[in-house]
Amino acid sequence: GGIPVVGRRYRFLDLPAGGGSDTVMKTSNPLAGGRHAVRF
């Protein structure tokens, strides 16, 4: 899914997420000024 353009068929969900990098329910993100993906 990380491949530009053609990877779209391997991307399945894009949902709002709670939590963050330092919370018990970890949904880690880099420092981000806008919309970003949780990858870890």
PDB file of all heavy atoms in Angstrom:
ATOM      1  N   GLY A   1       0.794  -1.221   0.000  1.00  0.00           N
ATOM      2  CA  GLY A   1       0.000   0.000   0.000  1.00  0.00           C
ATOM      3  C   GLY A   1       0.822   1.266   0.000  1.00  0.00           C
ATOM      4  O   GLY A   1       0.308   2.343  -0.320  1.00  0.00           O
ATOM      5  N   GLY A   2       2.102   1.178   0.352  1.00  0.00           N
ATOM      6  CA  GLY A   2       2.946   2.367   0.372  1.00  0.00           C
ATOM      7  C   GLY A   2       3.445   2.797  -0.992  1.00  0.00           C
ATOM      8  O   GLY A   2       4.053   3.872  -1.118  1.00  0.00           O
ATOM      9  N   ILE A   3       3.203   1.999  -2.023  1.00  0.00           N
ATOM     10  CA  ILE A   3       3.664   2.359  -3.363  1.00  0.00           C
ATOM     11  C   ILE A   3       2.739   3.439  -3.935  1.00  0.00           C
ATOM     12  O   ILE A   3       1.514   3.281  -3.917  1.00  0.00           O
ATOM     13  CB  ILE A   3       3.672   1.128  -4.283  1.00  0.00           C
ATOM     14  CG1 ILE A   3       4.626   0.073  -3.720  1.00  0.00           C
ATOM     15  CG2 ILE A   3       4.065   1.505  -5.703  1.00  0.00           C
ATOM     16  CD1 ILE A   3       4.616  -1.226  -4.492  1.00  0.00           C
ATOM     17  N   PRO A   4       3.284   4.557  -4.411  1.00  0.00           N
ATOM     18  CA  PRO A   4       2.436   5.631  -4.950  1.00  0.00           C
ATOM     19  C   PRO A   4       1.521   5.127  -6.074  1.00  0.00           C
ATOM     20  O   PRO A   4       1.893   4.272  -6.871  1.00  0.00           O
ATOM     21  CB  PRO A   4       3.455   6.647  -5.473  1.00  0.00           C
ATOM     22  CG  PRO A   4       4.700   6.387  -4.690  1.00  0.00           C
ATOM     23  CD  PRO A   4       4.716   4.903  -4.451  1.00  0.00           C
ATOM     24  N   VAL A   5       0.340   5.660  -6.110  1.00  0.00           N
ATOM     25  CA  VAL A   5      -0.673   5.453  -7.145  1.00  0.00           C
ATOM     26  C   VAL A   5      -1.163   3.997  -7.181  1.00  0.00           C
ATOM     27  O   VAL A   5      -2.279   3.700  -6.784  1.00  0.00           O
ATOM     28  CB  VAL A   5      -0.185   5.887  -8.552  1.00  0.00           C
ATOM     29  CG1 VAL A   5      -1.331   5.776  -9.563  1.00  0.00           C
ATOM     30  CG2 VAL A   5       0.338   7.312  -8.511  1.00  0.00           C
ATOM     31  N   VAL A   6      -0.310   3.077  -7.657  1.00  0.00           N
ATOM     32  CA  VAL A   6      -0.773   1.705  -7.849  1.00  0.00           C
ATOM     33  C   VAL A   6      -0.994   0.979  -6.525  1.00  0.00           C
ATOM     34  O   VAL A   6      -1.656  -0.062  -6.491  1.00  0.00           O
ATOM     35  CB  VAL A   6       0.210   0.906  -8.728  1.00  0.00           C
ATOM     36  CG1 VAL A   6       0.288   1.500 -10.115  1.00  0.00           C
ATOM     37  CG2 VAL A   6       1.599   0.854  -8.087  1.00  0.00           C
ATOM     38  N   GLY A   7      -0.446   1.514  -5.440  1.00  0.00           N
ATOM     39  CA  GLY A   7      -0.630   0.882  -4.149  1.00  0.00           C
ATOM     40  C   GLY A   7      -2.014   1.066  -3.573  1.00  0.00           C
ATOM     41  O   GLY A   7      -2.353   0.453  -2.547  1.00  0.00           O
ATOM     42  N   ARG A   8      -2.851   1.864  -4.217  1.00  0.00           N
ATOM     43  CA  ARG A   8      -4.181   2.151  -3.658  1.00  0.00           C
ATOM     44  C   ARG A   8      -5.033   0.904  -3.482  1.00  0.00           C
ATOM     45  O   ARG A   8      -5.835   0.814  -2.560  1.00  0.00           O
ATOM     46  CB  ARG A   8      -4.908   3.151  -4.566  1.00  0.00           C
ATOM     47  CG  ARG A   8      -4.374   4.572  -4.458  1.00  0.00           C
ATOM     48  CD  ARG A   8      -5.088   5.507  -5.389  1.00  0.00           C
ATOM     49  NE  ARG A   8      -4.880   5.140  -6.787  1.00  0.00           N
ATOM     50  CZ  ARG A   8      -5.320   5.851  -7.828  1.00  0.00           C
ATOM     51  NH1 ARG A   8      -6.029   6.950  -7.614  1.00  0.00           N
ATOM     52  NH2 ARG A   8      -5.075   5.458  -9.060  1.00  0.00           N
ATOM     53  N   ARG A   9      -4.862  -0.073  -4.351  1.00  0.00           N
ATOM     54  CA  ARG A   9      -5.697  -1.282  -4.245  1.00  0.00           C
ATOM     55  C   ARG A   9      -5.321  -2.121  -3.032  1.00  0.00           C
ATOM     56  O   ARG A   9      -6.048  -3.049  -2.679  1.00  0.00           O
ATOM     57  CB  ARG A   9      -5.571  -2.107  -5.521  1.00  0.00           C
ATOM     58  CG  ARG A   9      -4.228  -2.783  -5.711  1.00  0.00           C
ATOM     59  CD  ARG A   9      -4.141  -3.574  -7.000  1.00  0.00           C
ATOM     60  NE  ARG A   9      -4.162  -2.711  -8.161  1.00  0.00           N
ATOM     61  CZ  ARG A   9      -3.950  -3.149  -9.405  1.00  0.00           C
ATOM     62  NH1 ARG A   9      -3.739  -4.433  -9.632  1.00  0.00           N
ATOM     63  NH2 ARG A   9      -3.981  -2.311 -10.422  1.00  0.00           N
ATOM     64  N   TYR A  10      -4.184  -1.810  -2.405  1.00  0.00           N
ATOM     65  CA  TYR A  10      -3.752  -2.542  -1.211  1.00  0.00           C
ATOM     66  C   TYR A  10      -3.946  -1.714   0.065  1.00  0.00           C
ATOM     67  O   TYR A  10      -3.404  -2.052   1.110  1.00  0.00           O
ATOM     68  CB  TYR A  10      -2.278  -2.945  -1.358  1.00  0.00           C
ATOM     69  CG  TYR A  10      -2.032  -3.726  -2.620  1.00  0.00           C
ATOM     70  CD1 TYR A  10      -1.537  -3.103  -3.770  1.00  0.00           C
ATOM     71  CD2 TYR A  10      -2.333  -5.082  -2.686  1.00  0.00           C
ATOM     72  CE1 TYR A  10      -1.332  -3.812  -4.944  1.00  0.00           C
ATOM     73  CE2 TYR A  10      -2.134  -5.804  -3.853  1.00  0.00           C
ATOM     74  CZ  TYR A  10      -1.638  -5.160  -4.983  1.00  0.00           C
ATOM     75  OH  TYR A  10      -1.440  -5.870  -6.143  1.00  0.00           O
ATOM     76  N   ARG A  11      -4.703  -0.626  -0.051  1.00  0.00           N
ATOM     77  CA  ARG A  11      -5.042   0.200   1.108  1.00  0.00           C
ATOM     78  C   ARG A  11      -6.508  -0.043   1.415  1.00  0.00           C
ATOM     79  O   ARG A  11      -7.363   0.149   0.557  1.00  0.00           O
ATOM     80  CB  ARG A  11      -4.786   1.673   0.795  1.00  0.00           C
ATOM     81  CG  ARG A  11      -3.349   1.970   0.393  1.00  0.00           C
ATOM     82  CD  ARG A  11      -3.184   3.378  -0.157  1.00  0.00           C
ATOM     83  NE  ARG A  11      -1.908   3.514  -0.855  1.00  0.00           N
ATOM     84  CZ  ARG A  11      -1.615   4.493  -1.706  1.00  0.00           C
ATOM     85  NH1 ARG A  11      -2.528   5.433  -1.958  1.00  0.00           N
ATOM     86  NH2 ARG A  11      -0.441   4.538  -2.298  1.00  0.00           N
ATOM     87  N   PHE A  12      -6.785  -0.414   2.652  1.00  0.00           N
ATOM     88  CA  PHE A  12      -8.108  -0.938   2.953  1.00  0.00           C
ATOM     89  C   PHE A  12      -8.956  -0.039   3.844  1.00  0.00           C
ATOM     90  O   PHE A  12     -10.166   0.020   3.678  1.00  0.00           O
ATOM     91  CB  PHE A  12      -7.972  -2.325   3.578  1.00  0.00           C
ATOM     92  CG  PHE A  12      -7.337  -3.327   2.661  1.00  0.00           C
ATOM     93  CD1 PHE A  12      -5.975  -3.575   2.720  1.00  0.00           C
ATOM     94  CD2 PHE A  12      -8.097  -3.982   1.702  1.00  0.00           C
ATOM     95  CE1 PHE A  12      -5.385  -4.486   1.861  1.00  0.00           C
ATOM     96  CE2 PHE A  12      -7.518  -4.893   0.833  1.00  0.00           C
ATOM     97  CZ  PHE A  12      -6.159  -5.145   0.906  1.00  0.00           C
ATOM     98  N   LEU A  13      -8.362   0.658   4.792  1.00  0.00           N
ATOM     99  CA  LEU A  13      -9.151   1.473   5.710  1.00  0.00           C
ATOM    100  C   LEU A  13      -8.428   2.778   6.011  1.00  0.00           C
ATOM    101  O   LEU A  13      -7.198   2.825   6.095  1.00  0.00           O
ATOM    102  CB  LEU A  13      -9.396   0.730   7.027  1.00  0.00           C
ATOM    103  CG  LEU A  13     -10.335  -0.487   6.999  1.00  0.00           C
ATOM    104  CD1 LEU A  13     -10.359  -1.146   8.363  1.00  0.00           C
ATOM    105  CD2 LEU A  13     -11.739  -0.070   6.589  1.00  0.00           C
ATOM    106  N   ASP A  14      -9.199   3.836   6.188  1.00  0.00           N
ATOM    107  CA  ASP A  14      -8.684   5.138   6.619  1.00  0.00           C
ATOM    108  C   ASP A  14      -9.703   5.689   7.604  1.00  0.00           C
ATOM    109  O   ASP A  14     -10.722   6.257   7.210  1.00  0.00           O
ATOM    110  CB  ASP A  14      -8.505   6.061   5.414  1.00  0.00           C
ATOM    111  CG  ASP A  14      -7.844   7.387   5.785  1.00  0.00           C
ATOM    112  OD1 ASP A  14      -7.814   7.728   6.982  1.00  0.00           O
ATOM    113  OD2 ASP A  14      -7.381   8.096   4.870  1.00  0.00           O
ATOM    114  N   LEU A  15      -9.433   5.514   8.904  1.00  0.00           N
ATOM    115  CA  LEU A  15     -10.403   5.815   9.949  1.00  0.00           C
ATOM    116  C   LEU A  15      -9.822   6.806  10.947  1.00  0.00           C
ATOM    117  O   LEU A  15      -8.604   6.859  11.148  1.00  0.00           O
ATOM    118  CB  LEU A  15     -10.784   4.526  10.699  1.00  0.00           C
ATOM    119  CG  LEU A  15     -11.364   3.397   9.854  1.00  0.00           C
ATOM    120  CD1 LEU A  15     -11.422   2.117  10.674  1.00  0.00           C
ATOM    121  CD2 LEU A  15     -12.739   3.767   9.327  1.00  0.00           C
ATOM    122  N   PRO A  16     -10.677   7.582  11.621  1.00  0.00           N
ATOM    123  CA  PRO A  16     -10.180   8.448  12.693  1.00  0.00           C
ATOM    124  C   PRO A  16      -9.669   7.605  13.851  1.00  0.00           C
ATOM    125  O   PRO A  16     -10.213   6.537  14.146  1.00  0.00           O
ATOM    126  CB  PRO A  16     -11.407   9.275  13.088  1.00  0.00           C
ATOM    127  CG  PRO A  16     -12.574   8.437  12.683  1.00  0.00           C
ATOM    128  CD  PRO A  16     -12.146   7.701  11.450  1.00  0.00           C
ATOM    129  N   ALA A  17      -8.616   8.070  14.505  1.00  0.00           N
ATOM    130  CA  ALA A  17      -8.025   7.314  15.609  1.00  0.00           C
ATOM    131  C   ALA A  17      -7.822   8.210  16.816  1.00  0.00           C
ATOM    132  O   ALA A  17      -7.447   9.382  16.685  1.00  0.00           O
ATOM    133  CB  ALA A  17      -6.686   6.710  15.188  1.00  0.00           C
ATOM    134  N   GLY A  18      -8.061   7.662  17.994  1.00  0.00           N
ATOM    135  CA  GLY A  18      -7.682   8.312  19.229  1.00  0.00           C
ATOM    136  C   GLY A  18      -6.320   7.825  19.669  1.00  0.00           C
ATOM    137  O   GLY A  18      -5.695   6.985  19.032  1.00  0.00           O
ATOM    138  N   GLY A  19      -5.848   8.355  20.799  1.00  0.00           N
ATOM    139  CA  GLY A  19      -4.540   7.969  21.300  1.00  0.00           C
ATOM    140  C   GLY A  19      -3.425   8.742  20.631  1.00  0.00           C
ATOM    141  O   GLY A  19      -3.650   9.577  19.745  1.00  0.00           O
ATOM    142  N   GLY A  20      -2.204   8.483  21.056  1.00  0.00           N
ATOM    143  CA  GLY A  20      -1.051   9.183  20.514  1.00  0.00           C
ATOM    144  C   GLY A  20       0.227   8.442  20.831  1.00  0.00           C
ATOM    145  O   GLY A  20       0.220   7.281  21.263  1.00  0.00           O
ATOM    146  N   SER A  21       1.339   9.135  20.668  1.00  0.00           N
ATOM    147  CA  SER A  21       2.642   8.502  20.829  1.00  0.00           C
ATOM    148  C   SER A  21       2.958   8.144  22.271  1.00  0.00           C
ATOM    149  O   SER A  21       3.738   7.233  22.525  1.00  0.00           O
ATOM    150  CB  SER A  21       3.735   9.428  20.283  1.00  0.00           C
ATOM    151  OG  SER A  21       3.568   9.622  18.901  1.00  0.00           O
ATOM    152  N   ASP A  22       2.370   8.850  23.220  1.00  0.00           N
ATOM    153  CA  ASP A  22       2.724   8.658  24.620  1.00  0.00           C
ATOM    154  C   ASP A  22       1.573   8.126  25.455  1.00  0.00           C
ATOM    155  O   ASP A  22       1.644   8.152  26.688  1.00  0.00           O
ATOM    156  CB  ASP A  22       3.198   9.986  25.216  1.00  0.00           C
ATOM    157  CG  ASP A  22       4.417  10.526  24.513  1.00  0.00           C
ATOM    158  OD1 ASP A  22       5.326   9.744  24.211  1.00  0.00           O
ATOM    159  OD2 ASP A  22       4.455  11.742  24.245  1.00  0.00           O
ATOM    160  N   THR A  23       0.508   7.655  24.829  1.00  0.00           N
ATOM    161  CA  THR A  23      -0.647   7.179  25.576  1.00  0.00           C
ATOM    162  C   THR A  23      -0.597   5.660  25.708  1.00  0.00           C
ATOM    163  O   THR A  23       0.076   4.969  24.943  1.00  0.00           O
ATOM    164  CB  THR A  23      -1.951   7.590  24.882  1.00  0.00           C
ATOM    165  OG1 THR A  23      -1.974   7.066  23.550  1.00  0.00           O
ATOM    166  CG2 THR A  23      -2.079   9.103  24.817  1.00  0.00           C
ATOM    167  N   VAL A  24      -1.341   5.129  26.690  1.00  0.00           N
ATOM    168  CA  VAL A  24      -1.398   3.683  26.885  1.00  0.00           C
ATOM    169  C   VAL A  24      -1.904   3.014  25.610  1.00  0.00           C
ATOM    170  O   VAL A  24      -1.312   2.035  25.129  1.00  0.00           O
ATOM    171  CB  VAL A  24      -2.298   3.350  28.087  1.00  0.00           C
ATOM    172  CG1 VAL A  24      -2.552   1.845  28.162  1.00  0.00           C
ATOM    173  CG2 VAL A  24      -1.658   3.845  29.379  1.00  0.00           C
ATOM    174  N   MET A  25      -3.009   3.495  25.054  1.00  0.00           N
ATOM    175  CA  MET A  25      -3.430   3.030  23.740  1.00  0.00           C
ATOM    176  C   MET A  25      -2.578   3.754  22.714  1.00  0.00           C
ATOM    177  O   MET A  25      -2.913   4.829  22.236  1.00  0.00           O
ATOM    178  CB  MET A  25      -4.915   3.292  23.489  1.00  0.00           C
ATOM    179  CG  MET A  25      -5.428   2.604  22.229  1.00  0.00           C
ATOM    180  SD  MET A  25      -7.180   2.908  21.857  1.00  0.00           S
ATOM    181  CE  MET A  25      -7.067   4.488  21.004  1.00  0.00           C
ATOM    182  N   LYS A  26      -1.445   3.158  22.408  1.00  0.00           N
ATOM    183  CA  LYS A  26      -0.463   3.835  21.555  1.00  0.00           C
ATOM    184  C   LYS A  26      -0.899   3.801  20.101  1.00  0.00           C
ATOM    185  O   LYS A  26      -1.194   2.751  19.542  1.00  0.00           O
ATOM    186  CB  LYS A  26       0.909   3.185  21.698  1.00  0.00           C
ATOM    187  CG  LYS A  26       1.990   3.864  20.858  1.00  0.00           C
ATOM    188  CD  LYS A  26       3.303   3.151  20.976  1.00  0.00           C
ATOM    189  CE  LYS A  26       4.175   3.674  22.072  1.00  0.00           C
ATOM    190  NZ  LYS A  26       4.557   5.059  21.958  1.00  0.00           N
ATOM    191  N   THR A  27      -0.960   4.997  19.506  1.00  0.00           N
ATOM    192  CA  THR A  27      -1.140   5.155  18.064  1.00  0.00           C
ATOM    193  C   THR A  27      -0.121   6.205  17.645  1.00  0.00           C
ATOM    194  O   THR A  27      -0.415   7.385  17.571  1.00  0.00           O
ATOM    195  CB  THR A  27      -2.570   5.599  17.716  1.00  0.00           C
ATOM    196  OG1 THR A  27      -2.898   6.777  18.471  1.00  0.00           O
ATOM    197  CG2 THR A  27      -3.582   4.516  18.029  1.00  0.00           C
ATOM    198  N   SER A  28       1.088   5.767  17.403  1.00  0.00           N
ATOM    199  CA  SER A  28       2.232   6.658  17.315  1.00  0.00           C
ATOM    200  C   SER A  28       2.222   7.501  16.048  1.00  0.00           C
ATOM    201  O   SER A  28       1.782   7.058  14.989  1.00  0.00           O
ATOM    202  CB  SER A  28       3.518   5.832  17.368  1.00  0.00           C
ATOM    203  OG  SER A  28       4.640   6.663  17.520  1.00  0.00           O
ATOM    204  N   ASN A  29       2.708   8.722  16.185  1.00  0.00           N
ATOM    205  CA  ASN A  29       2.824   9.625  15.043  1.00  0.00           C
ATOM    206  C   ASN A  29       4.072  10.485  15.195  1.00  0.00           C
ATOM    207  O   ASN A  29       4.477  10.820  16.310  1.00  0.00           O
ATOM    208  CB  ASN A  29       1.599  10.534  14.930  1.00  0.00           C
ATOM    209  CG  ASN A  29       1.426  11.426  16.139  1.00  0.00           C
ATOM    210  OD1 ASN A  29       0.953  10.986  17.182  1.00  0.00           O
ATOM    211  ND2 ASN A  29       1.819  12.693  16.010  1.00  0.00           N
ATOM    212  N   PRO A  30       4.694  10.862  14.096  1.00  0.00           N
ATOM    213  CA  PRO A  30       5.777  11.842  14.175  1.00  0.00           C
ATOM    214  C   PRO A  30       5.183  13.214  14.476  1.00  0.00           C
ATOM    215  O   PRO A  30       3.965  13.400  14.473  1.00  0.00           O
ATOM    216  CB  PRO A  30       6.382  11.798  12.765  1.00  0.00           C
ATOM    217  CG  PRO A  30       5.229  11.416  11.897  1.00  0.00           C
ATOM    218  CD  PRO A  30       4.401  10.462  12.713  1.00  0.00           C
ATOM    219  N   LEU A  31       6.048  14.185  14.773  1.00  0.00           N
ATOM    220  CA  LEU A  31       5.560  15.558  14.867  1.00  0.00           C
ATOM    221  C   LEU A  31       4.884  15.892  13.548  1.00  0.00           C
ATOM    222  O   LEU A  31       5.471  15.751  12.478  1.00  0.00           O
ATOM    223  CB  LEU A  31       6.709  16.526  15.132  1.00  0.00           C
ATOM    224  CG  LEU A  31       7.385  16.429  16.503  1.00  0.00           C
ATOM    225  CD1 LEU A  31       8.545  17.406  16.583  1.00  0.00           C
ATOM    226  CD2 LEU A  31       6.395  16.683  17.630  1.00  0.00           C
ATOM    227  N   ALA A  32       3.632  16.306  13.605  1.00  0.00           N
ATOM    228  CA  ALA A  32       2.854  16.480  12.377  1.00  0.00           C
ATOM    229  C   ALA A  32       1.987  17.719  12.489  1.00  0.00           C
ATOM    230  O   ALA A  32       1.281  17.909  13.478  1.00  0.00           O
ATOM    231  CB  ALA A  32       1.989  15.253  12.112  1.00  0.00           C
ATOM    232  N   GLY A  33       2.029  18.550  11.451  1.00  0.00           N
ATOM    233  CA  GLY A  33       1.243  19.772  11.438  1.00  0.00           C
ATOM    234  C   GLY A  33      -0.108  19.620  10.777  1.00  0.00           C
ATOM    235  O   GLY A  33      -0.869  20.585  10.707  1.00  0.00           O
ATOM    236  N   GLY A  34      -0.420  18.439  10.294  1.00  0.00           N
ATOM    237  CA  GLY A  34      -1.686  18.243   9.605  1.00  0.00           C
ATOM    238  C   GLY A  34      -2.088  16.782   9.622  1.00  0.00           C
ATOM    239  O   GLY A  34      -1.710  16.018  10.508  1.00  0.00           O
ATOM    240  N   ARG A  35      -2.853  16.404   8.618  1.00  0.00           N
ATOM    241  CA  ARG A  35      -3.357  15.033   8.525  1.00  0.00           C
ATOM    242  C   ARG A  35      -2.187  14.072   8.333  1.00  0.00           C
ATOM    243  O   ARG A  35      -1.277  14.315   7.544  1.00  0.00           O
ATOM    244  CB  ARG A  35      -4.321  14.953   7.338  1.00  0.00           C
ATOM    245  CG  ARG A  35      -5.173  13.693   7.269  1.00  0.00           C
ATOM    246  CD  ARG A  35      -6.100  13.828   6.065  1.00  0.00           C
ATOM    247  NE  ARG A  35      -6.865  12.629   5.805  1.00  0.00           N
ATOM    248  CZ  ARG A  35      -8.133  12.454   6.146  1.00  0.00           C
ATOM    249  NH1 ARG A  35      -8.774  13.427   6.765  1.00  0.00           N
ATOM    250  NH2 ARG A  35      -8.770  11.333   5.866  1.00  0.00           N
ATOM    251  N   HIS A  36      -2.212  12.957   9.046  1.00  0.00           N
ATOM    252  CA  HIS A  36      -1.105  12.011   8.999  1.00  0.00           C
ATOM    253  C   HIS A  36      -1.617  10.609   9.298  1.00  0.00           C
ATOM    254  O   HIS A  36      -2.700  10.428   9.850  1.00  0.00           O
ATOM    255  CB  HIS A  36      -0.023  12.398  10.019  1.00  0.00           C
ATOM    256  CG  HIS A  36      -0.562  12.497  11.417  1.00  0.00           C
ATOM    257  ND1 HIS A  36      -1.076  13.670  11.923  1.00  0.00           N
ATOM    258  CD2 HIS A  36      -0.715  11.573  12.398  1.00  0.00           C
ATOM    259  CE1 HIS A  36      -1.504  13.469  13.159  1.00  0.00           C
ATOM    260  NE2 HIS A  36      -1.299  12.198  13.467  1.00  0.00           N
ATOM    261  N   ALA A  37      -0.821   9.619   8.948  1.00  0.00           N
ATOM    262  CA  ALA A  37      -1.193   8.220   9.149  1.00  0.00           C
ATOM    263  C   ALA A  37      -0.516   7.664  10.391  1.00  0.00           C
ATOM    264  O   ALA A  37       0.641   7.962  10.677  1.00  0.00           O
ATOM    265  CB  ALA A  37      -0.794   7.391   7.932  1.00  0.00           C
ATOM    266  N   VAL A  38      -1.253   6.844  11.121  1.00  0.00           N
ATOM    267  CA  VAL A  38      -0.691   6.085  12.233  1.00  0.00           C
ATOM    268  C   VAL A  38      -0.101   4.809  11.650  1.00  0.00           C
ATOM    269  O   VAL A  38      -0.813   4.006  11.058  1.00  0.00           O
ATOM    270  CB  VAL A  38      -1.783   5.741  13.272  1.00  0.00           C
ATOM    271  CG1 VAL A  38      -1.197   4.880  14.381  1.00  0.00           C
ATOM    272  CG2 VAL A  38      -2.408   6.999  13.832  1.00  0.00           C
ATOM    273  N   ARG A  39       1.185   4.619  11.828  1.00  0.00           N
ATOM    274  CA  ARG A  39       1.855   3.453  11.255  1.00  0.00           C
ATOM    275  C   ARG A  39       2.376   2.482  12.307  1.00  0.00           C
ATOM    276  O   ARG A  39       2.874   1.413  11.970  1.00  0.00           O
ATOM    277  CB  ARG A  39       3.024   3.912  10.369  1.00  0.00           C
ATOM    278  CG  ARG A  39       2.602   4.761   9.184  1.00  0.00           C
ATOM    279  CD  ARG A  39       1.683   3.985   8.266  1.00  0.00           C
ATOM    280  NE  ARG A  39       1.403   4.703   7.026  1.00  0.00           N
ATOM    281  CZ  ARG A  39       0.489   4.328   6.142  1.00  0.00           C
ATOM    282  NH1 ARG A  39      -0.244   3.246   6.369  1.00  0.00           N
ATOM    283  NH2 ARG A  39       0.292   5.022   5.044  1.00  0.00           N
ATOM    284  N   PHE A  40       2.268   2.846  13.567  1.00  0.00           N
ATOM    285  CA  PHE A  40       2.821   2.020  14.629  1.00  0.00           C
ATOM    286  C   PHE A  40       1.970   2.183  15.883  1.00  0.00           C
ATOM    287  O   PHE A  40       1.489   3.277  16.181  1.00  0.00           O
ATOM    288  CB  PHE A  40       4.266   2.457  14.920  1.00  0.00           C
ATOM    289  CG  PHE A  40       4.870   1.784  16.125  1.00  0.00           C
ATOM    290  CD1 PHE A  40       5.513   0.572  15.995  1.00  0.00           C
ATOM    291  CD2 PHE A  40       4.797   2.357  17.375  1.00  0.00           C
ATOM    292  CE1 PHE A  40       6.060  -0.063  17.096  1.00  0.00           C
ATOM    293  CE2 PHE A  40       5.343   1.740  18.483  1.00  0.00           C
ATOM    294  CZ  PHE A  40       5.978   0.529  18.346  1.00  0.00           C
TER     295      PHE A  40
END
